[in-house]
Amino acid sequence: MPLVLTSGSKGKYSAKSVSAIVTKARFKTKIKKKIIPHTLRHSFATHLLENGTDFRYIQNLLSHSSVKTTELYTQVAVNNFILIKNPLDL
């Protein structure tokens, strides 16, 4: 049975509600590792970056006012930087 999410009366979830949803999903899927809502946010941003999404779009999607905050995700997605070819080396 899929996990169905419904929003609160104002269309936004409280931090407590999101945490409860993530915890419930974790137990339903029998994931042993601790997962918090930020884990999903971080995974989302990292996957976007690894799939070539423009950095500025990710910054906007995460509502980061500073690019420095978004740059934290580049530390995780370094495997794609290896694939970048220097045009001078061709």
PDB file of N, CA and C in Angstrom:
ATOM      1  N   MET A   1       0.835  -1.177   0.000  1.00  0.00           N
ATOM      2  CA  MET A   1       0.000   0.000   0.000  1.00  0.00           C
ATOM      3  C   MET A   1       0.882   1.243   0.000  1.00  0.00           C
ATOM      4  N   PRO A   2       0.709   2.148  -0.983  1.00  0.00           N
ATOM      5  CA  PRO A   2       1.566   3.333  -1.048  1.00  0.00           C
ATOM      6  C   PRO A   2       1.247   4.316   0.066  1.00  0.00           C
ATOM      7  N   LEU A   3       2.241   5.073   0.436  1.00  0.00           N
ATOM      8  CA  LEU A   3       2.074   6.104   1.446  1.00  0.00           C
ATOM      9  C   LEU A   3       1.422   7.312   0.798  1.00  0.00           C
ATOM     10  N   VAL A   4       0.263   7.712   1.281  1.00  0.00           N
ATOM     11  CA  VAL A   4      -0.470   8.839   0.714  1.00  0.00           C
ATOM     12  C   VAL A   4      -0.256  10.058   1.594  1.00  0.00           C
ATOM     13  N   LEU A   5       0.139  11.165   0.967  1.00  0.00           N
ATOM     14  CA  LEU A   5       0.376  12.396   1.702  1.00  0.00           C
ATOM     15  C   LEU A   5      -0.763  13.370   1.453  1.00  0.00           C
ATOM     16  N   THR A   6      -1.272  13.951   2.500  1.00  0.00           N
ATOM     17  CA  THR A   6      -2.269  15.005   2.365  1.00  0.00           C
ATOM     18  C   THR A   6      -1.770  16.211   3.131  1.00  0.00           C
ATOM     19  N   SER A   7      -2.029  17.371   2.601  1.00  0.00           N
ATOM     20  CA  SER A   7      -1.508  18.580   3.236  1.00  0.00           C
ATOM     21  C   SER A   7      -2.442  19.078   4.321  1.00  0.00           C
ATOM     22  N   GLY A   8      -1.909  19.969   5.130  1.00  0.00           N
ATOM     23  CA  GLY A   8      -2.708  20.595   6.175  1.00  0.00           C
ATOM     24  C   GLY A   8      -3.677  21.594   5.572  1.00  0.00           C
ATOM     25  N   SER A   9      -4.396  22.281   6.418  1.00  0.00           N
ATOM     26  CA  SER A   9      -5.437  23.198   5.954  1.00  0.00           C
ATOM     27  C   SER A   9      -4.882  24.358   5.136  1.00  0.00           C
ATOM     28  N   LYS A  10      -3.624  24.724   5.344  1.00  0.00           N
ATOM     29  CA  LYS A  10      -3.022  25.834   4.615  1.00  0.00           C
ATOM     30  C   LYS A  10      -2.142  25.353   3.462  1.00  0.00           C
ATOM     31  N   GLY A  11      -2.163  24.067   3.181  1.00  0.00           N
ATOM     32  CA  GLY A  11      -1.371  23.537   2.081  1.00  0.00           C
ATOM     33  C   GLY A  11       0.083  23.284   2.423  1.00  0.00           C
ATOM     34  N   LYS A  12       0.485  23.503   3.663  1.00  0.00           N
ATOM     35  CA  LYS A  12       1.857  23.264   4.085  1.00  0.00           C
ATOM     36  C   LYS A  12       1.857  22.237   5.202  1.00  0.00           C
ATOM     37  N   TYR A  13       2.947  21.491   5.272  1.00  0.00           N
ATOM     38  CA  TYR A  13       3.108  20.494   6.326  1.00  0.00           C
ATOM     39  C   TYR A  13       3.909  21.097   7.473  1.00  0.00           C
ATOM     40  N   SER A  14       3.585  20.708   8.677  1.00  0.00           N
ATOM     41  CA  SER A  14       4.409  21.116   9.811  1.00  0.00           C
ATOM     42  C   SER A  14       5.646  20.231   9.829  1.00  0.00           C
ATOM     43  N   ALA A  15       6.683  20.695  10.487  1.00  0.00           N
ATOM     44  CA  ALA A  15       7.918  19.906  10.593  1.00  0.00           C
ATOM     45  C   ALA A  15       7.639  18.574  11.283  1.00  0.00           C
ATOM     46  N   LYS A  16       6.769  18.588  12.272  1.00  0.00           N
ATOM     47  CA  LYS A  16       6.425  17.368  13.003  1.00  0.00           C
ATOM     48  C   LYS A  16       5.702  16.374  12.097  1.00  0.00           C
ATOM     49  N   SER A  17       4.805  16.865  11.248  1.00  0.00           N
ATOM     50  CA  SER A  17       4.069  15.989  10.328  1.00  0.00           C
ATOM     51  C   SER A  17       5.003  15.340   9.314  1.00  0.00           C
ATOM     52  N   VAL A  18       5.901  16.135   8.756  1.00  0.00           N
ATOM     53  CA  VAL A  18       6.849  15.607   7.771  1.00  0.00           C
ATOM     54  C   VAL A  18       7.729  14.548   8.413  1.00  0.00           C
ATOM     55  N   SER A  19       8.200  14.830   9.611  1.00  0.00           N
ATOM     56  CA  SER A  19       9.039  13.862  10.316  1.00  0.00           C
ATOM     57  C   SER A  19       8.286  12.556  10.568  1.00  0.00           C
ATOM     58  N   ALA A  20       7.032  12.655  10.955  1.00  0.00           N
ATOM     59  CA  ALA A  20       6.211  11.462  11.204  1.00  0.00           C
ATOM     60  C   ALA A  20       5.999  10.666   9.921  1.00  0.00           C
ATOM     61  N   ILE A  21       5.782  11.348   8.807  1.00  0.00           N
ATOM     62  CA  ILE A  21       5.586  10.678   7.509  1.00  0.00           C
ATOM     63  C   ILE A  21       6.855   9.936   7.095  1.00  0.00           C
ATOM     64  N   VAL A  22       8.000  10.592   7.252  1.00  0.00           N
ATOM     65  CA  VAL A  22       9.280   9.967   6.886  1.00  0.00           C
ATOM     66  C   VAL A  22       9.550   8.758   7.780  1.00  0.00           C
ATOM     67  N   THR A  23       9.310   8.885   9.060  1.00  0.00           N
ATOM     68  CA  THR A  23       9.521   7.772   9.989  1.00  0.00           C
ATOM     69  C   THR A  23       8.606   6.600   9.650  1.00  0.00           C
ATOM     70  N   LYS A  24       7.349   6.876   9.371  1.00  0.00           N
ATOM     71  CA  LYS A  24       6.395   5.827   9.022  1.00  0.00           C
ATOM     72  C   LYS A  24       6.823   5.105   7.741  1.00  0.00           C
ATOM     73  N   ALA A  25       7.254   5.874   6.751  1.00  0.00           N
ATOM     74  CA  ALA A  25       7.699   5.282   5.485  1.00  0.00           C
ATOM     75  C   ALA A  25       8.949   4.433   5.700  1.00  0.00           C
ATOM     76  N   ARG A  26       9.840   4.897   6.559  1.00  0.00           N
ATOM     77  CA  ARG A  26      11.070   4.154   6.853  1.00  0.00           C
ATOM     78  C   ARG A  26      10.742   2.789   7.452  1.00  0.00           C
ATOM     79  N   PHE A  27       9.817   2.749   8.395  1.00  0.00           N
ATOM     80  CA  PHE A  27       9.448   1.474   9.015  1.00  0.00           C
ATOM     81  C   PHE A  27       8.703   0.567   8.041  1.00  0.00           C
ATOM     82  N   LYS A  28       7.854   1.151   7.205  1.00  0.00           N
ATOM     83  CA  LYS A  28       7.118   0.350   6.222  1.00  0.00           C
ATOM     84  C   LYS A  28       8.059  -0.311   5.222  1.00  0.00           C
ATOM     85  N   THR A  29       9.136   0.368   4.884  1.00  0.00           N
ATOM     86  CA  THR A  29      10.087  -0.165   3.907  1.00  0.00           C
ATOM     87  C   THR A  29      11.212  -0.959   4.566  1.00  0.00           C
ATOM     88  N   LYS A  30      11.163  -1.040   5.890  1.00  0.00           N
ATOM     89  CA  LYS A  30      12.150  -1.798   6.676  1.00  0.00           C
ATOM     90  C   LYS A  30      13.588  -1.295   6.487  1.00  0.00           C
ATOM     91  N   ILE A  31      13.717   0.008   6.290  1.00  0.00           N
ATOM     92  CA  ILE A  31      15.045   0.618   6.189  1.00  0.00           C
ATOM     93  C   ILE A  31      15.602   0.758   7.596  1.00  0.00           C
ATOM     94  N   LYS A  32      16.797   0.252   7.802  1.00  0.00           N
ATOM     95  CA  LYS A  32      17.402   0.269   9.135  1.00  0.00           C
ATOM     96  C   LYS A  32      18.070   1.608   9.450  1.00  0.00           C
ATOM     97  N   LYS A  33      18.648   2.229   8.428  1.00  0.00           N
ATOM     98  CA  LYS A  33      19.376   3.481   8.614  1.00  0.00           C
ATOM     99  C   LYS A  33      18.423   4.599   9.025  1.00  0.00           C
ATOM    100  N   LYS A  34      18.886   5.454   9.937  1.00  0.00           N
ATOM    101  CA  LYS A  34      18.071   6.589  10.366  1.00  0.00           C
ATOM    102  C   LYS A  34      17.912   7.547   9.189  1.00  0.00           C
ATOM    103  N   ILE A  35      16.690   7.920   8.921  1.00  0.00           N
ATOM    104  CA  ILE A  35      16.395   8.864   7.852  1.00  0.00           C
ATOM    105  C   ILE A  35      15.568   9.992   8.442  1.00  0.00           C
ATOM    106  N   ILE A  36      15.993  11.205   8.162  1.00  0.00           N
ATOM    107  CA  ILE A  36      15.255  12.388   8.590  1.00  0.00           C
ATOM    108  C   ILE A  36      14.827  13.143   7.334  1.00  0.00           C
ATOM    109  N   PRO A  37      13.881  14.052   7.442  1.00  0.00           N
ATOM    110  CA  PRO A  37      13.446  14.794   6.249  1.00  0.00           C
ATOM    111  C   PRO A  37      14.591  15.446   5.482  1.00  0.00           C
ATOM    112  N   HIS A  38      15.600  15.914   6.187  1.00  0.00           N
ATOM    113  CA  HIS A  38      16.724  16.544   5.488  1.00  0.00           C
ATOM    114  C   HIS A  38      17.485  15.546   4.635  1.00  0.00           C
ATOM    115  N   THR A  39      17.471  14.278   5.015  1.00  0.00           N
ATOM    116  CA  THR A  39      18.109  13.231   4.210  1.00  0.00           C
ATOM    117  C   THR A  39      17.477  13.196   2.820  1.00  0.00           C
ATOM    118  N   LEU A  40      16.165  13.285   2.754  1.00  0.00           N
ATOM    119  CA  LEU A  40      15.467  13.277   1.464  1.00  0.00           C
ATOM    120  C   LEU A  40      15.786  14.532   0.668  1.00  0.00           C
ATOM    121  N   ARG A  41      15.821  15.665   1.327  1.00  0.00           N
ATOM    122  CA  ARG A  41      16.150  16.936   0.669  1.00  0.00           C
ATOM    123  C   ARG A  41      17.557  16.882   0.086  1.00  0.00           C
ATOM    124  N   HIS A  42      18.489  16.372   0.881  1.00  0.00           N
ATOM    125  CA  HIS A  42      19.879  16.274   0.454  1.00  0.00           C
ATOM    126  C   HIS A  42      20.013  15.297  -0.727  1.00  0.00           C
ATOM    127  N   SER A  43      19.336  14.167  -0.649  1.00  0.00           N
ATOM    128  CA  SER A  43      19.376  13.184  -1.736  1.00  0.00           C
ATOM    129  C   SER A  43      18.799  13.765  -3.020  1.00  0.00           C
ATOM    130  N   PHE A  44      17.699  14.479  -2.894  1.00  0.00           N
ATOM    131  CA  PHE A  44      17.059  15.125  -4.040  1.00  0.00           C
ATOM    132  C   PHE A  44      18.038  16.071  -4.730  1.00  0.00           C
ATOM    133  N   ALA A  45      18.673  16.932  -3.962  1.00  0.00           N
ATOM    134  CA  ALA A  45      19.612  17.904  -4.531  1.00  0.00           C
ATOM    135  C   ALA A  45      20.830  17.217  -5.143  1.00  0.00           C
ATOM    136  N   THR A  46      21.341  16.213  -4.473  1.00  0.00           N
ATOM    137  CA  THR A  46      22.518  15.501  -4.981  1.00  0.00           C
ATOM    138  C   THR A  46      22.210  14.796  -6.296  1.00  0.00           C
ATOM    139  N   HIS A  47      21.054  14.149  -6.383  1.00  0.00           N
ATOM    140  CA  HIS A  47      20.677  13.465  -7.628  1.00  0.00           C
ATOM    141  C   HIS A  47      20.478  14.456  -8.768  1.00  0.00           C
ATOM    142  N   LEU A  48      19.881  15.588  -8.476  1.00  0.00           N
ATOM    143  CA  LEU A  48      19.735  16.614  -9.515  1.00  0.00           C
ATOM    144  C   LEU A  48      21.099  17.050 -10.028  1.00  0.00           C
ATOM    145  N   LEU A  49      22.005  17.302  -9.119  1.00  0.00           N
ATOM    146  CA  LEU A  49      23.352  17.740  -9.494  1.00  0.00           C
ATOM    147  C   LEU A  49      24.070  16.668 -10.305  1.00  0.00           C
ATOM    148  N   GLU A  50      23.985  15.417  -9.863  1.00  0.00           N
ATOM    149  CA  GLU A  50      24.641  14.313 -10.566  1.00  0.00           C
ATOM    150  C   GLU A  50      24.053  14.075 -11.954  1.00  0.00           C
ATOM    151  N   ASN A  51      22.791  14.465 -12.145  1.00  0.00           N
ATOM    152  CA  ASN A  51      22.152  14.291 -13.449  1.00  0.00           C
ATOM    153  C   ASN A  51      22.276  15.526 -14.329  1.00  0.00           C
ATOM    154  N   GLY A  52      23.112  16.470 -13.916  1.00  0.00           N
ATOM    155  CA  GLY A  52      23.428  17.602 -14.770  1.00  0.00           C
ATOM    156  C   GLY A  52      22.515  18.809 -14.655  1.00  0.00           C
ATOM    157  N   THR A  53      21.657  18.846 -13.652  1.00  0.00           N
ATOM    158  CA  THR A  53      20.792  20.010 -13.470  1.00  0.00           C
ATOM    159  C   THR A  53      21.643  21.219 -13.123  1.00  0.00           C
ATOM    160  N   ASP A  54      21.334  22.331 -13.762  1.00  0.00           N
ATOM    161  CA  ASP A  54      22.069  23.568 -13.527  1.00  0.00           C
ATOM    162  C   ASP A  54      22.041  23.927 -12.046  1.00  0.00           C
ATOM    163  N   PHE A  55      23.182  24.323 -11.548  1.00  0.00           N
ATOM    164  CA  PHE A  55      23.379  24.652 -10.145  1.00  0.00           C
ATOM    165  C   PHE A  55      22.402  25.724  -9.671  1.00  0.00           C
ATOM    166  N   ARG A  56      22.143  26.713 -10.505  1.00  0.00           N
ATOM    167  CA  ARG A  56      21.235  27.807 -10.118  1.00  0.00           C
ATOM    168  C   ARG A  56      19.804  27.321  -9.951  1.00  0.00           C
ATOM    169  N   TYR A  57      19.410  26.324 -10.750  1.00  0.00           N
ATOM    170  CA  TYR A  57      18.064  25.757 -10.595  1.00  0.00           C
ATOM    171  C   TYR A  57      17.944  25.034  -9.260  1.00  0.00           C
ATOM    172  N   ILE A  58      18.984  24.290  -8.914  1.00  0.00           N
ATOM    173  CA  ILE A  58      18.972  23.578  -7.631  1.00  0.00           C
ATOM    174  C   ILE A  58      18.909  24.573  -6.485  1.00  0.00           C
ATOM    175  N   GLN A  59      19.688  25.636  -6.583  1.00  0.00           N
ATOM    176  CA  GLN A  59      19.674  26.679  -5.551  1.00  0.00           C
ATOM    177  C   GLN A  59      18.264  27.235  -5.393  1.00  0.00           C
ATOM    178  N   ASN A  60      17.596  27.488  -6.508  1.00  0.00           N
ATOM    179  CA  ASN A  60      16.246  28.034  -6.480  1.00  0.00           C
ATOM    180  C   ASN A  60      15.251  27.021  -5.907  1.00  0.00           C
ATOM    181  N   LEU A  61      15.349  25.759  -6.334  1.00  0.00           N
ATOM    182  CA  LEU A  61      14.439  24.724  -5.842  1.00  0.00           C
ATOM    183  C   LEU A  61      14.547  24.529  -4.332  1.00  0.00           C
ATOM    184  N   LEU A  62      15.755  24.665  -3.804  1.00  0.00           N
ATOM    185  CA  LEU A  62      15.974  24.478  -2.373  1.00  0.00           C
ATOM    186  C   LEU A  62      15.754  25.761  -1.583  1.00  0.00           C
ATOM    187  N   SER A  63      15.453  26.845  -2.282  1.00  0.00           N
ATOM    188  CA  SER A  63      15.232  28.155  -1.658  1.00  0.00           C
ATOM    189  C   SER A  63      16.442  28.630  -0.867  1.00  0.00           C
ATOM    190  N   HIS A  64      17.626  28.366  -1.403  1.00  0.00           N
ATOM    191  CA  HIS A  64      18.845  28.856  -0.772  1.00  0.00           C
ATOM    192  C   HIS A  64      19.089  30.287  -1.236  1.00  0.00           C
ATOM    193  N   SER A  65      19.251  31.195  -0.313  1.00  0.00           N
ATOM    194  CA  SER A  65      19.547  32.578  -0.694  1.00  0.00           C
ATOM    195  C   SER A  65      21.017  32.736  -1.051  1.00  0.00           C
ATOM    196  N   SER A  66      21.850  31.902  -0.491  1.00  0.00           N
ATOM    197  CA  SER A  66      23.287  31.963  -0.764  1.00  0.00           C
ATOM    198  C   SER A  66      23.730  30.736  -1.554  1.00  0.00           C
ATOM    199  N   VAL A  67      24.534  30.984  -2.580  1.00  0.00           N
ATOM    200  CA  VAL A  67      25.073  29.881  -3.374  1.00  0.00           C
ATOM    201  C   VAL A  67      26.017  29.017  -2.524  1.00  0.00           C
ATOM    202  N   LYS A  68      26.568  29.595  -1.481  1.00  0.00           N
ATOM    203  CA  LYS A  68      27.474  28.852  -0.586  1.00  0.00           C
ATOM    204  C   LYS A  68      26.752  27.665   0.060  1.00  0.00           C
ATOM    205  N   THR A  69      25.490  27.848   0.394  1.00  0.00           N
ATOM    206  CA  THR A  69      24.721  26.763   0.997  1.00  0.00           C
ATOM    207  C   THR A  69      24.539  25.632   0.002  1.00  0.00           C
ATOM    208  N   THR A  70      24.222  25.974  -1.240  1.00  0.00           N
ATOM    209  CA  THR A  70      24.021  24.967  -2.280  1.00  0.00           C
ATOM    210  C   THR A  70      25.332  24.260  -2.616  1.00  0.00           C
ATOM    211  N   GLU A  71      26.439  24.959  -2.494  1.00  0.00           N
ATOM    212  CA  GLU A  71      27.745  24.367  -2.810  1.00  0.00           C
ATOM    213  C   GLU A  71      28.082  23.176  -1.924  1.00  0.00           C
ATOM    214  N   LEU A  72      27.435  23.061  -0.783  1.00  0.00           N
ATOM    215  CA  LEU A  72      27.685  21.907   0.098  1.00  0.00           C
ATOM    216  C   LEU A  72      27.374  20.594  -0.616  1.00  0.00           C
ATOM    217  N   TYR A  73      26.431  20.622  -1.557  1.00  0.00           N
ATOM    218  CA  TYR A  73      26.046  19.411  -2.269  1.00  0.00           C
ATOM    219  C   TYR A  73      27.110  18.973  -3.279  1.00  0.00           C
ATOM    220  N   THR A  74      27.976  19.874  -3.672  1.00  0.00           N
ATOM    221  CA  THR A  74      29.016  19.491  -4.632  1.00  0.00           C
ATOM    222  C   THR A  74      30.031  18.550  -3.996  1.00  0.00           C
ATOM    223  N   GLN A  75      30.172  18.595  -2.694  1.00  0.00           N
ATOM    224  CA  GLN A  75      31.107  17.702  -2.011  1.00  0.00           C
ATOM    225  C   GLN A  75      30.662  16.254  -2.123  1.00  0.00           C
ATOM    226  N   VAL A  76      29.377  16.028  -2.231  1.00  0.00           N
ATOM    227  CA  VAL A  76      28.840  14.674  -2.328  1.00  0.00           C
ATOM    228  C   VAL A  76      28.876  14.174  -3.764  1.00  0.00           C
ATOM    229  N   ALA A  77      28.678  15.058  -4.712  1.00  0.00           N
ATOM    230  CA  ALA A  77      28.543  14.665  -6.109  1.00  0.00           C
ATOM    231  C   ALA A  77      29.852  14.770  -6.885  1.00  0.00           C
ATOM    232  N   VAL A  78      30.974  14.520  -6.245  1.00  0.00           N
ATOM    233  CA  VAL A  78      32.265  14.658  -6.903  1.00  0.00           C
ATOM    234  C   VAL A  78      32.514  13.619  -7.986  1.00  0.00           C
ATOM    235  N   ASN A  79      31.810  12.498  -7.955  1.00  0.00           N
ATOM    236  CA  ASN A  79      32.056  11.457  -8.957  1.00  0.00           C
ATOM    237  C   ASN A  79      31.788  11.967 -10.373  1.00  0.00           C
ATOM    238  N   ASN A  80      30.889  12.906 -10.544  1.00  0.00           N
ATOM    239  CA  ASN A  80      30.625  13.448 -11.877  1.00  0.00           C
ATOM    240  C   ASN A  80      31.688  14.431 -12.324  1.00  0.00           C
ATOM    241  N   PHE A  81      32.402  15.043 -11.393  1.00  0.00           N
ATOM    242  CA  PHE A  81      33.446  15.973 -11.781  1.00  0.00           C
ATOM    243  C   PHE A  81      34.590  15.251 -12.477  1.00  0.00           C
ATOM    244  N   ILE A  82      34.771  13.996 -12.180  1.00  0.00           N
ATOM    245  CA  ILE A  82      35.815  13.198 -12.829  1.00  0.00           C
ATOM    246  C   ILE A  82      35.507  13.055 -14.317  1.00  0.00           C
ATOM    247  N   LEU A  83      34.249  13.047 -14.682  1.00  0.00           N
ATOM    248  CA  LEU A  83      33.830  12.859 -16.069  1.00  0.00           C
ATOM    249  C   LEU A  83      34.012  14.103 -16.930  1.00  0.00           C
ATOM    250  N   ILE A  84      34.258  15.252 -16.308  1.00  0.00           N
ATOM    251  CA  ILE A  84      34.405  16.485 -17.068  1.00  0.00           C
ATOM    252  C   ILE A  84      35.721  16.438 -17.825  1.00  0.00           C
ATOM    253  N   LYS A  85      35.622  16.660 -19.118  1.00  0.00           N
ATOM    254  CA  LYS A  85      36.801  16.637 -19.976  1.00  0.00           C
ATOM    255  C   LYS A  85      37.304  18.067 -20.194  1.00  0.00           C
ATOM    256  N   ASN A  86      38.584  18.259 -20.015  1.00  0.00           N
ATOM    257  CA  ASN A  86      39.212  19.539 -20.292  1.00  0.00           C
ATOM    258  C   ASN A  86      39.370  19.667 -21.805  1.00  0.00           C
ATOM    259  N   PRO A  87      38.810  20.699 -22.430  1.00  0.00           N
ATOM    260  CA  PRO A  87      38.916  20.817 -23.889  1.00  0.00           C
ATOM    261  C   PRO A  87      40.365  20.967 -24.361  1.00  0.00           C
ATOM    262  N   LEU A  88      41.248  21.382 -23.480  1.00  0.00           N
ATOM    263  CA  LEU A  88      42.650  21.520 -23.867  1.00  0.00           C
ATOM    264  C   LEU A  88      43.375  20.178 -23.930  1.00  0.00           C
ATOM    265  N   ASP A  89      42.789  19.159 -23.302  1.00  0.00           N
ATOM    266  CA  ASP A  89      43.408  17.832 -23.276  1.00  0.00           C
ATOM    267  C   ASP A  89      42.992  16.979 -24.474  1.00  0.00           C
ATOM    268  N   LEU A  90      42.067  17.459 -25.293  1.00  0.00           N
ATOM    269  CA  LEU A  90      41.581  16.653 -26.404  1.00  0.00           C
ATOM    270  C   LEU A  90      42.525  16.613 -27.536  1.00  0.00           C
TER     271      LEU A  90
END
